[in-house]
Amino acid sequence: MIYAPMPDNEQERLHELIRYEVLYTQYEEDFDQIVRLASAICKTPISTITLLDFNKQWFKAKIGIDNTEGDRGTSFCGHAIMQDESIMVVNDALEDQRFIDNPLVLGDPNIRFYAGYPLVSPSGYKLGTLCVIDKVPRTLNEEQELTLKTLGNQVVKLFELRLRNKEAQIKAQLIEDQKKQLEESSSAQSKIISIIAHDVRGPVTSLKTMIELTKSKSLTEAETALLLDMLDKQLDGTLDMLTNLVDWGSMLLRKGKLSITSVQIYALIDKVFKSIAPMMQLKKNQFQNLVPEDIAVKADENTLRFILRNIISNANKFTSNGSITISLVPAENKEYLSIVVADTGCGMPLEIQQELFNPAKRHSREGTNNEKGSGLGLILAKEFAEAMQASIEVKSEPGKGTSFILTLPASI
């Protein structure tokens, strides 16, 4: 027996085969039809579309045999790809020195007749064969040989079509992704324009009016003091909203590139608290961080800081002479943890809770010290929580306080 030789361009041939992404794939009706037709026209019980891997032959389509693959070294197809784009015909394997003691001849499937046509890619690489096999000696007539060649060429065309379709699908998906990104960008721009028009123009207009009234000396000292106090509160809310817009814009740019790592919750909450401690002191609120120091969650640290800052700031806004407590509780899903931010503030009615995260019905309520707000922070907090596979819910009762529950994947 002579083992099937390796072509000189074997490495390049394998690269070409891999490029078509057809090796070891599901059976497909288009290829099955070809082997059935080849078997019927050549009047053989066995036909296969065989692809040659480094050390195996694998059947993309087959009829008449149960095996899905075999050894390349003992394969007839391994010899057939050494032909110069012509059919290799073995009329009687027992009279061919290459195959006389081949295990495929002496045992199952007891090959005596073989005809294989190389499947040659447009680049000239032989990927495998279309072959017909019989268990008795025989020959092919000219019409059968022509049919085998024609069907073999059709196999390669199907490979090409399959590859082009896949490339077209990838391009279509890229176009769809780009379209989605443009739509998201357009939506973000519309939101920003709407927010600026609604929430920035008002305080700036009020400031301009105040300056003009002061210049004209139309106001008394008491009226001026009252207007300054109102304007001060309006500008506080505007500055808070602008901070959120800047953070939002920054996160939008890297929304698809969130850096999910293990984040120590206690340390992050401590940083957030220190940044807003002066505002808590003004409201005479007590703050408690009851989260264990060694517990971590899977999150993007900057995004989680943004979310917690907005939730804690919101709790402080609607609480005076009270307390804000942050604790950790197990979630229903054991792979998640819930961070609970609970305050003893004024709470909120059910109808506001139901619309709290709805951008179309953005609420801006005054805080317990008449602080102004834009209603934007919590909406953005929910948007970016969902981008991290986290969730936010709220529970509140008027006069008894509010709890925000932020649930994230635990970091084991």
Protein backbone atom coordinates (compact mmCIF):
# COMPACT_ATOMS: atom_id res chain seq x y z
CA MET A 1 0.00 0.00 0.00
CA ILE A 2 1.19 3.51 -0.81
CA TYR A 3 0.11 6.24 1.59
CA ALA A 4 -1.40 9.38 0.13
CA PRO A 5 1.37 11.96 -0.49
CA MET A 6 1.25 15.59 0.66
CA PRO A 7 1.17 18.39 -1.94
CA ASP A 8 4.13 20.80 -1.93
CA ASN A 9 1.73 23.68 -1.12
CA GLU A 10 -0.03 21.81 1.73
CA GLN A 11 0.17 24.73 4.19
CA GLU A 12 -1.33 27.19 1.72
CA ARG A 13 -3.93 24.60 0.68
CA LEU A 14 -5.08 24.20 4.29
CA HIS A 15 -5.32 27.98 4.72
CA GLU A 16 -7.54 28.12 1.64
CA LEU A 17 -9.75 25.32 2.99
CA ILE A 18 -10.11 27.08 6.34
CA ARG A 19 -10.96 30.35 4.56
CA TYR A 20 -14.10 28.79 3.10
CA GLU A 21 -15.35 27.90 6.62
CA VAL A 22 -16.96 24.70 5.34
CA LEU A 23 -14.87 22.05 7.12
CA TYR A 24 -16.72 20.19 9.91
CA THR A 25 -19.93 22.13 9.34
CA GLN A 26 -23.53 20.92 9.30
CA TYR A 27 -24.78 18.89 6.35
CA GLU A 28 -26.58 21.01 3.75
CA GLU A 29 -29.22 19.98 1.22
CA ASP A 30 -27.47 21.65 -1.74
CA PHE A 31 -24.42 19.40 -1.29
CA ASP A 32 -26.51 16.34 -0.47
CA GLN A 33 -28.32 16.71 -3.80
CA ILE A 34 -25.00 16.69 -5.67
CA VAL A 35 -23.82 13.35 -4.22
CA ARG A 36 -27.22 11.77 -4.87
CA LEU A 37 -27.09 12.96 -8.48
CA ALA A 38 -23.47 11.79 -8.94
CA SER A 39 -24.34 8.37 -7.53
CA ALA A 40 -27.41 8.04 -9.75
CA ILE A 41 -25.70 9.09 -13.00
CA CYS A 42 -22.54 7.09 -12.42
CA LYS A 43 -24.63 4.15 -11.12
CA THR A 44 -22.54 3.67 -7.97
CA PRO A 45 -23.88 2.96 -4.46
CA ILE A 46 -21.46 5.40 -2.81
CA SER A 47 -20.65 9.04 -3.47
CA THR A 48 -19.05 11.68 -1.25
CA ILE A 49 -17.90 15.29 -1.21
CA THR A 50 -14.63 14.82 0.65
CA LEU A 51 -12.56 17.60 2.22
CA LEU A 52 -8.97 16.86 3.23
CA ASP A 53 -7.78 18.22 6.56
CA PHE A 54 -4.15 17.82 7.69
CA ASN A 55 -4.53 14.17 8.72
CA LYS A 56 -8.21 13.39 8.09
CA GLN A 57 -10.68 13.17 5.26
CA TRP A 58 -14.13 14.52 6.19
CA PHE A 59 -17.34 14.14 4.19
CA LYS A 60 -19.31 17.34 3.63
CA ALA A 61 -21.97 15.19 1.93
CA LYS A 62 -22.27 11.43 1.51
CA ILE A 63 -24.51 8.64 0.33
CA GLY A 64 -24.00 4.90 0.81
CA ILE A 65 -21.61 5.01 3.81
CA ASP A 66 -22.09 5.55 7.54
CA ASN A 67 -18.71 7.09 8.44
CA THR A 68 -18.36 10.88 8.52
CA GLU A 69 -14.55 10.90 8.33
CA GLY A 70 -11.50 8.71 7.88
CA ASP A 71 -7.71 8.62 7.83
CA ARG A 72 -6.19 10.79 5.11
CA GLY A 73 -3.11 8.62 4.65
CA THR A 74 -5.10 5.58 3.53
CA SER A 75 -7.68 7.61 1.57
CA PHE A 76 -8.18 7.37 -2.17
CA CYS A 77 -9.05 11.10 -2.21
CA GLY A 78 -5.60 11.94 -0.82
CA HIS A 79 -4.16 10.48 -4.03
CA ALA A 80 -6.85 12.10 -6.21
CA ILE A 81 -5.90 15.67 -5.28
CA MET A 82 -2.45 15.04 -6.72
CA GLN A 83 -4.05 14.84 -10.18
CA ASP A 84 -3.81 17.86 -12.51
CA GLU A 85 -7.51 18.80 -12.37
CA SER A 86 -8.50 15.50 -13.99
CA ILE A 87 -10.46 12.54 -12.70
CA MET A 88 -8.50 9.81 -10.96
CA VAL A 89 -10.07 6.51 -11.93
CA VAL A 90 -9.26 3.20 -10.25
CA ASN A 91 -11.16 0.52 -12.18
CA ASP A 92 -10.12 -2.33 -9.87
CA ALA A 93 -8.33 -1.54 -6.62
CA LEU A 94 -7.00 -5.11 -6.36
CA GLU A 95 -4.99 -4.51 -9.51
CA ASP A 96 -3.56 -1.12 -8.41
CA GLN A 97 -0.31 -1.28 -6.40
CA ARG A 98 -1.29 1.86 -4.48
CA PHE A 99 -4.41 0.24 -3.03
CA ILE A 100 -4.07 -3.56 -3.30
CA ASP A 101 -3.62 -4.00 0.48
CA ASN A 102 -5.45 -0.82 1.56
CA PRO A 103 -7.73 -1.38 4.61
CA LEU A 104 -10.58 0.36 2.74
CA VAL A 105 -10.22 -2.30 0.05
CA LEU A 106 -9.71 -5.34 2.29
CA GLY A 107 -12.37 -4.19 4.77
CA ASP A 108 -15.40 -1.89 4.98
CA PRO A 109 -16.46 -0.26 2.65
CA ASN A 110 -14.67 -2.84 0.39
CA ILE A 111 -13.72 -0.40 -2.35
CA ARG A 112 -13.00 -1.92 -5.76
CA PHE A 113 -13.91 0.99 -8.05
CA TYR A 114 -13.13 4.66 -7.38
CA ALA A 115 -13.39 7.84 -9.45
CA GLY A 116 -12.54 11.19 -7.86
CA TYR A 117 -12.51 14.69 -9.31
CA PRO A 118 -10.44 17.33 -7.44
CA LEU A 119 -12.34 20.33 -6.04
CA VAL A 120 -10.08 23.18 -7.14
CA SER A 121 -10.60 26.70 -5.76
CA PRO A 122 -10.28 29.73 -8.08
CA SER A 123 -6.83 30.25 -6.54
CA GLY A 124 -5.76 26.78 -7.71
CA TYR A 125 -5.81 24.91 -4.39
CA LYS A 126 -7.29 21.39 -4.27
CA LEU A 127 -9.61 21.29 -1.27
CA GLY A 128 -10.83 17.73 -1.69
CA THR A 129 -12.81 15.68 -4.19
CA LEU A 130 -16.21 14.72 -5.48
CA CYS A 131 -15.97 10.95 -5.79
CA VAL A 132 -18.07 7.91 -6.68
CA ILE A 133 -17.30 4.43 -5.31
CA ASP A 134 -18.44 0.89 -6.03
CA LYS A 135 -17.76 -2.46 -4.41
CA VAL A 136 -17.21 -4.16 -7.78
CA PRO A 137 -14.80 -3.31 -10.63
CA ARG A 138 -16.20 -1.05 -13.32
CA THR A 139 -15.55 1.94 -15.62
CA LEU A 140 -17.11 5.31 -16.40
CA ASN A 141 -18.22 6.35 -19.86
CA GLU A 142 -17.46 9.82 -21.27
CA GLU A 143 -20.89 11.17 -20.32
CA GLN A 144 -20.47 10.03 -16.71
CA GLU A 145 -16.97 11.52 -16.49
CA LEU A 146 -18.26 14.85 -17.88
CA THR A 147 -21.10 14.81 -15.34
CA LEU A 148 -18.69 14.14 -12.47
CA LYS A 149 -16.50 17.07 -13.54
CA THR A 150 -19.51 19.38 -13.96
CA LEU A 151 -20.89 18.46 -10.53
CA GLY A 152 -17.44 18.88 -8.97
CA ASN A 153 -17.19 22.39 -10.40
CA GLN A 154 -20.67 23.09 -8.98
CA VAL A 155 -19.44 22.10 -5.52
CA VAL A 156 -16.68 24.73 -5.71
CA LYS A 157 -19.17 27.32 -6.92
CA LEU A 158 -21.37 26.52 -3.94
CA PHE A 159 -18.34 26.98 -1.66
CA GLU A 160 -17.73 30.37 -3.29
CA LEU A 161 -21.41 31.36 -3.01
CA ARG A 162 -21.50 30.27 0.61
CA LEU A 163 -18.42 32.38 1.36
CA ARG A 164 -19.79 35.44 -0.48
CA ASN A 165 -23.10 35.13 1.38
CA LYS A 166 -21.28 35.03 4.70
CA GLU A 167 -19.19 38.07 3.74
CA ALA A 168 -22.37 39.87 2.68
CA GLN A 169 -23.98 39.03 6.02
CA ILE A 170 -20.98 40.40 7.89
CA LYS A 171 -21.05 43.60 5.83
CA ALA A 172 -24.80 43.93 6.36
CA GLN A 173 -24.29 43.50 10.12
CA LEU A 174 -21.54 46.14 10.11
CA ILE A 175 -23.84 48.53 8.26
CA GLU A 176 -26.64 47.76 10.72
CA ASP A 177 -24.31 48.35 13.68
CA GLN A 178 -23.13 51.65 12.18
CA LYS A 179 -26.73 52.68 11.55
CA LYS A 180 -27.61 51.85 15.15
CA GLN A 181 -24.64 53.86 16.41
CA LEU A 182 -25.71 56.84 14.29
CA GLU A 183 -29.26 56.56 15.59
CA GLU A 184 -28.00 56.39 19.18
CA SER A 185 -25.75 59.37 18.55
CA SER A 186 -28.62 61.32 17.00
CA SER A 187 -30.88 60.38 19.91
CA ALA A 188 -28.23 61.46 22.42
CA GLN A 189 -27.76 64.79 20.61
CA SER A 190 -31.53 65.37 20.63
CA LYS A 191 -31.69 64.62 24.36
CA ILE A 192 -28.80 66.97 25.12
CA ILE A 193 -30.29 69.77 23.02
CA SER A 194 -33.68 69.28 24.69
CA ILE A 195 -32.16 69.29 28.17
CA ILE A 196 -30.02 72.34 27.52
CA ALA A 197 -32.95 74.21 25.98
CA HIS A 198 -35.22 73.35 28.90
CA ASP A 199 -32.93 73.37 31.92
CA VAL A 200 -30.03 75.69 31.11
CA ARG A 201 -31.78 78.49 29.27
CA GLY A 202 -34.18 79.15 32.18
CA PRO A 203 -31.59 79.89 34.90
CA VAL A 204 -29.38 81.83 32.46
CA THR A 205 -32.38 83.94 31.40
CA SER A 206 -33.21 84.52 35.06
CA LEU A 207 -29.63 85.61 35.74
CA LYS A 208 -29.74 88.04 32.80
CA THR A 209 -33.06 89.45 34.02
CA MET A 210 -31.64 89.82 37.53
CA ILE A 211 -28.62 91.73 36.20
CA GLU A 212 -30.84 94.02 34.12
CA LEU A 213 -33.17 94.71 37.08
CA THR A 214 -30.20 95.41 39.33
CA LYS A 215 -28.76 97.83 36.77
CA SER A 216 -32.07 99.63 36.47
CA LYS A 217 -32.33 99.82 40.28
CA SER A 218 -35.94 98.66 40.03
CA LEU A 219 -35.66 96.30 42.98
CA THR A 220 -35.53 96.91 46.71
CA GLU A 221 -32.80 95.33 48.80
CA ALA A 222 -35.28 92.75 50.11
CA GLU A 223 -36.45 91.88 46.58
CA THR A 224 -32.87 91.64 45.38
CA ALA A 225 -31.96 89.31 48.27
CA LEU A 226 -35.00 87.11 47.54
CA LEU A 227 -34.20 86.89 43.83
CA LEU A 228 -30.54 86.10 44.54
CA ASP A 229 -31.58 83.28 46.84
CA MET A 230 -33.94 81.85 44.18
CA LEU A 231 -31.30 82.23 41.51
CA ASP A 232 -28.68 80.55 43.72
CA LYS A 233 -30.90 77.47 44.08
CA GLN A 234 -31.64 77.42 40.36
CA LEU A 235 -27.94 77.56 39.50
CA ASP A 236 -27.16 74.75 41.96
CA GLY A 237 -29.58 72.52 40.08
CA THR A 238 -28.17 73.66 36.72
CA LEU A 239 -24.57 72.95 37.77
CA ASP A 240 -25.61 69.49 38.98
CA MET A 241 -27.36 68.85 35.66
CA LEU A 242 -24.32 70.03 33.66
CA THR A 243 -22.09 67.70 35.70
CA ASN A 244 -24.39 64.83 34.76
CA LEU A 245 -24.36 65.87 31.11
CA VAL A 246 -20.57 65.92 31.01
CA ASP A 247 -20.38 62.49 32.68
CA TRP A 248 -23.12 61.19 30.39
CA GLY A 249 -21.32 62.40 27.27
CA SER A 250 -18.08 60.81 28.45
CA MET A 251 -19.79 57.47 29.08
CA LEU A 252 -21.66 57.57 25.80
CA LEU A 253 -18.32 57.71 23.99
CA ARG A 254 -17.21 54.50 25.65
CA LYS A 255 -20.58 52.84 26.23
CA GLY A 256 -19.61 49.80 24.19
CA LYS A 257 -16.16 49.74 25.87
CA LEU A 258 -17.06 49.57 29.55
CA SER A 259 -14.20 48.20 31.61
CA ILE A 260 -15.91 45.60 33.78
CA THR A 261 -13.65 44.74 36.70
CA SER A 262 -13.92 43.76 40.36
CA VAL A 263 -14.89 46.92 42.30
CA GLN A 264 -14.71 47.21 46.10
CA ILE A 265 -18.09 48.70 47.04
CA TYR A 266 -17.20 50.10 50.47
CA ALA A 267 -14.20 52.08 49.19
CA LEU A 268 -16.15 53.48 46.24
CA ILE A 269 -19.07 54.58 48.44
CA ASP A 270 -16.59 56.24 50.78
CA LYS A 271 -15.18 58.26 47.85
CA VAL A 272 -18.67 59.32 46.74
CA PHE A 273 -19.60 60.35 50.27
CA LYS A 274 -16.49 62.53 50.66
CA SER A 275 -17.32 64.35 47.42
CA ILE A 276 -20.83 65.30 48.56
CA ALA A 277 -20.21 65.53 52.34
CA PRO A 278 -20.54 69.37 52.41
CA MET A 279 -24.04 69.14 50.92
CA MET A 280 -25.02 66.54 53.53
CA GLN A 281 -23.73 68.75 56.31
CA LEU A 282 -25.84 71.65 55.05
CA LYS A 283 -28.92 69.39 55.28
CA LYS A 284 -27.78 68.05 58.69
CA ASN A 285 -28.06 64.48 57.45
CA GLN A 286 -26.23 61.54 59.01
CA PHE A 287 -24.51 59.06 56.66
CA GLN A 288 -23.84 55.37 57.35
CA ASN A 289 -21.87 53.02 55.12
CA LEU A 290 -22.79 49.54 56.36
CA VAL A 291 -21.31 47.66 53.39
CA PRO A 292 -18.62 45.12 54.40
CA GLU A 293 -15.17 46.30 53.32
CA ASP A 294 -14.20 43.07 51.56
CA ILE A 295 -17.24 42.73 49.25
CA ALA A 296 -16.84 43.44 45.53
CA VAL A 297 -19.09 43.53 42.46
CA LYS A 298 -18.46 43.29 38.72
CA ALA A 299 -18.83 46.80 37.28
CA ASP A 300 -17.23 49.67 35.43
CA GLU A 301 -15.88 51.74 38.32
CA ASN A 302 -16.49 55.18 36.77
CA THR A 303 -20.03 54.25 35.74
CA LEU A 304 -20.84 52.79 39.18
CA ARG A 305 -19.49 55.96 40.84
CA PHE A 306 -21.76 58.07 38.59
CA ILE A 307 -24.80 55.96 39.53
CA LEU A 308 -24.11 55.98 43.27
CA ARG A 309 -23.39 59.72 43.31
CA ASN A 310 -26.76 60.44 41.71
CA ILE A 311 -28.69 58.10 44.01
CA ILE A 312 -27.01 59.38 47.19
CA SER A 313 -27.32 63.03 46.07
CA ASN A 314 -31.02 62.42 45.37
CA ALA A 315 -31.47 60.92 48.86
CA ASN A 316 -29.78 63.96 50.40
CA LYS A 317 -31.92 66.34 48.34
CA PHE A 318 -35.15 64.96 49.76
CA THR A 319 -33.96 64.46 53.35
CA SER A 320 -33.36 67.03 56.11
CA ASN A 321 -32.18 66.31 59.68
CA GLY A 322 -32.38 62.62 58.84
CA SER A 323 -30.20 59.72 57.83
CA ILE A 324 -28.96 58.05 54.66
CA THR A 325 -27.85 54.44 55.05
CA ILE A 326 -26.15 52.21 52.50
CA SER A 327 -26.29 48.47 53.08
CA LEU A 328 -25.81 45.25 51.16
CA VAL A 329 -28.39 42.46 50.84
CA PRO A 330 -28.41 39.20 48.85
CA ALA A 331 -30.36 39.34 45.60
CA GLU A 332 -32.86 36.66 44.50
CA ASN A 333 -30.23 35.44 42.06
CA LYS A 334 -27.34 34.23 44.23
CA GLU A 335 -24.81 35.43 41.66
CA TYR A 336 -25.92 39.05 42.25
CA LEU A 337 -25.78 41.52 45.15
CA SER A 338 -28.09 44.45 45.91
CA ILE A 339 -26.80 47.80 47.18
CA VAL A 340 -29.61 49.53 49.11
CA VAL A 341 -29.52 53.32 49.56
CA ALA A 342 -32.21 54.14 52.14
CA ASP A 343 -33.16 57.60 53.43
CA THR A 344 -35.60 58.89 56.06
CA GLY A 345 -36.74 61.76 53.86
CA CYS A 346 -40.08 62.93 52.51
CA GLY A 347 -40.64 59.96 50.20
CA MET A 348 -42.68 60.10 47.02
CA PRO A 349 -46.16 59.10 45.87
CA LEU A 350 -46.72 56.03 43.72
CA GLU A 351 -47.42 57.97 40.51
CA ILE A 352 -43.98 59.64 40.68
CA GLN A 353 -42.28 56.30 41.42
CA GLN A 354 -43.85 54.78 38.31
CA GLU A 355 -42.53 57.56 36.04
CA LEU A 356 -39.23 58.23 37.82
CA PHE A 357 -37.06 56.63 35.12
CA ASN A 358 -39.20 57.64 32.14
CA PRO A 359 -37.31 60.17 29.94
CA ALA A 360 -40.55 61.27 28.28
CA LYS A 361 -41.99 62.27 31.66
CA ARG A 362 -38.97 63.68 33.39
CA HIS A 363 -39.90 65.03 36.83
CA SER A 364 -38.10 67.87 38.57
CA ARG A 365 -39.24 68.18 42.19
CA GLU A 366 -37.87 70.67 44.65
CA GLY A 367 -35.88 69.24 47.55
CA THR A 368 -36.62 69.75 51.22
CA ASN A 369 -34.65 73.03 51.08
CA ASN A 370 -36.29 74.03 47.78
CA GLU A 371 -33.29 72.72 45.79
CA LYS A 372 -33.86 72.72 42.07
CA GLY A 373 -33.12 69.70 39.88
CA SER A 374 -33.44 68.53 36.30
CA GLY A 375 -34.76 65.00 36.86
CA LEU A 376 -31.96 63.84 34.58
CA GLY A 377 -29.58 62.14 37.00
CA LEU A 378 -31.71 59.13 37.90
CA ILE A 379 -32.73 58.57 34.26
CA LEU A 380 -29.07 58.44 33.25
CA ALA A 381 -28.25 56.25 36.27
CA LYS A 382 -30.76 53.65 35.09
CA GLU A 383 -29.53 53.86 31.48
CA PHE A 384 -25.95 53.16 32.47
CA ALA A 385 -26.86 50.53 35.05
CA GLU A 386 -28.51 48.54 32.27
CA ALA A 387 -25.38 48.96 30.13
CA MET A 388 -23.50 47.13 32.93
CA GLN A 389 -26.11 44.35 33.18
CA ALA A 390 -27.33 45.88 36.45
CA SER A 391 -30.78 47.09 37.51
CA ILE A 392 -32.29 49.86 39.65
CA GLU A 393 -35.62 49.84 41.43
CA VAL A 394 -37.22 52.21 43.92
CA LYS A 395 -39.45 51.72 46.95
CA SER A 396 -40.92 54.73 48.70
CA GLU A 397 -43.70 55.86 51.00
CA PRO A 398 -44.66 59.52 51.45
CA GLY A 399 -43.42 60.84 54.78
CA LYS A 400 -41.40 57.71 55.56
CA GLY A 401 -38.49 57.81 53.13
CA THR A 402 -37.19 56.14 50.00
CA SER A 403 -34.97 53.17 49.17
CA PHE A 404 -33.12 52.69 45.89
CA ILE A 405 -31.97 49.13 45.18
CA LEU A 406 -29.05 48.73 42.75
CA THR A 407 -28.45 45.06 41.81
CA LEU A 408 -25.17 43.99 40.19
CA PRO A 409 -23.25 40.77 39.50
CA ALA A 410 -21.15 39.71 42.49
CA SER A 411 -17.39 39.38 42.10
CA ILE A 412 -16.47 36.01 43.54
